[in-house]
Amino acid sequence: MTSTLGVTARAARVWRRSSYSTATGNCVEVAAGDGVVAARDSKDPDGPVLVFSRARWAAVLPGWTEQVR
């Protein structure tokens, strides 16, 4: 399940930047809470946000980290 996150919920979250982020800021930020994990582009913090269930995030994350290495 992916969806967008409302402005109030977006502001209430604590966003963390990937440890793999580049000096140019090309990275993904994530925030967890309320049984979901949200992801956004660090260059566009007011832009779209993808929201995943924790189970879906756990399934997607290994594939993404393999691509970074």
Protein backbone atom coordinates (compact mmCIF):
# COMPACT_ATOMS: atom_id res chain seq x y z
CA MET A 1 0.00 0.00 0.00
CA THR A 2 1.34 3.42 -0.90
CA SER A 3 -0.43 6.72 -0.45
CA THR A 4 0.26 10.36 0.29
CA LEU A 5 0.67 11.81 3.75
CA GLY A 6 -1.30 14.85 4.93
CA VAL A 7 0.42 18.12 5.76
CA THR A 8 -0.26 17.83 9.52
CA ALA A 9 1.04 14.27 9.70
CA ARG A 10 4.06 15.23 7.56
CA ALA A 11 5.03 18.05 9.94
CA ALA A 12 4.66 15.83 13.01
CA ARG A 13 7.15 13.23 11.76
CA VAL A 14 10.87 13.17 12.45
CA TRP A 15 12.63 12.63 9.14
CA ARG A 16 15.98 10.81 8.94
CA ARG A 17 18.35 11.01 6.00
CA SER A 18 20.00 7.91 4.58
CA SER A 19 23.57 7.24 5.69
CA TYR A 20 24.26 6.59 1.98
CA SER A 21 23.29 10.13 0.97
CA THR A 22 25.62 12.04 -1.31
CA ALA A 23 27.16 15.46 -0.81
CA THR A 24 24.78 16.81 -3.48
CA GLY A 25 21.79 15.80 -1.35
CA ASN A 26 20.55 13.03 -3.63
CA CYS A 27 18.95 10.82 -1.04
CA VAL A 28 15.79 9.52 0.52
CA GLU A 29 14.52 10.58 3.92
CA VAL A 30 12.34 8.28 6.00
CA ALA A 31 10.05 8.72 8.99
CA ALA A 32 8.30 6.00 10.97
CA GLY A 33 5.18 6.13 13.10
CA ASP A 34 1.60 4.94 13.46
CA GLY A 35 2.48 1.54 11.99
CA VAL A 36 3.80 2.99 8.73
CA VAL A 37 7.06 4.16 7.19
CA ALA A 38 7.03 7.29 5.03
CA ALA A 39 9.69 8.12 2.40
CA ARG A 40 10.39 11.35 0.53
CA ASP A 41 13.02 12.99 -1.68
CA SER A 42 15.35 15.09 0.47
CA LYS A 43 15.57 17.72 -2.28
CA ASP A 44 11.79 18.24 -2.18
CA PRO A 45 10.64 18.00 1.47
CA ASP A 46 7.27 19.56 0.64
CA GLY A 47 6.75 17.25 -2.34
CA PRO A 48 5.13 13.82 -2.57
CA VAL A 49 5.54 11.29 0.22
CA LEU A 50 5.22 7.53 -0.19
CA VAL A 51 3.70 5.71 2.78
CA PHE A 52 4.34 1.99 3.28
CA SER A 53 3.08 -0.48 5.85
CA ARG A 54 5.95 -1.71 8.02
CA ALA A 55 5.69 -5.16 6.40
CA ARG A 56 5.88 -3.70 2.88
CA TRP A 57 8.84 -1.48 3.86
CA ALA A 58 10.67 -4.52 5.27
CA ALA A 59 10.08 -6.33 1.98
CA VAL A 60 11.25 -3.42 -0.24
CA LEU A 61 14.28 -2.23 1.73
CA PRO A 62 16.68 -5.15 0.99
CA GLY A 63 16.33 -4.61 -2.76
CA TRP A 64 17.07 -0.91 -2.48
CA THR A 65 20.14 -1.38 -0.29
CA GLU A 66 21.56 -3.98 -2.70
CA GLN A 67 21.34 -1.43 -5.53
CA VAL A 68 23.30 1.13 -3.47
CA ARG A 69 26.22 -1.18 -2.71
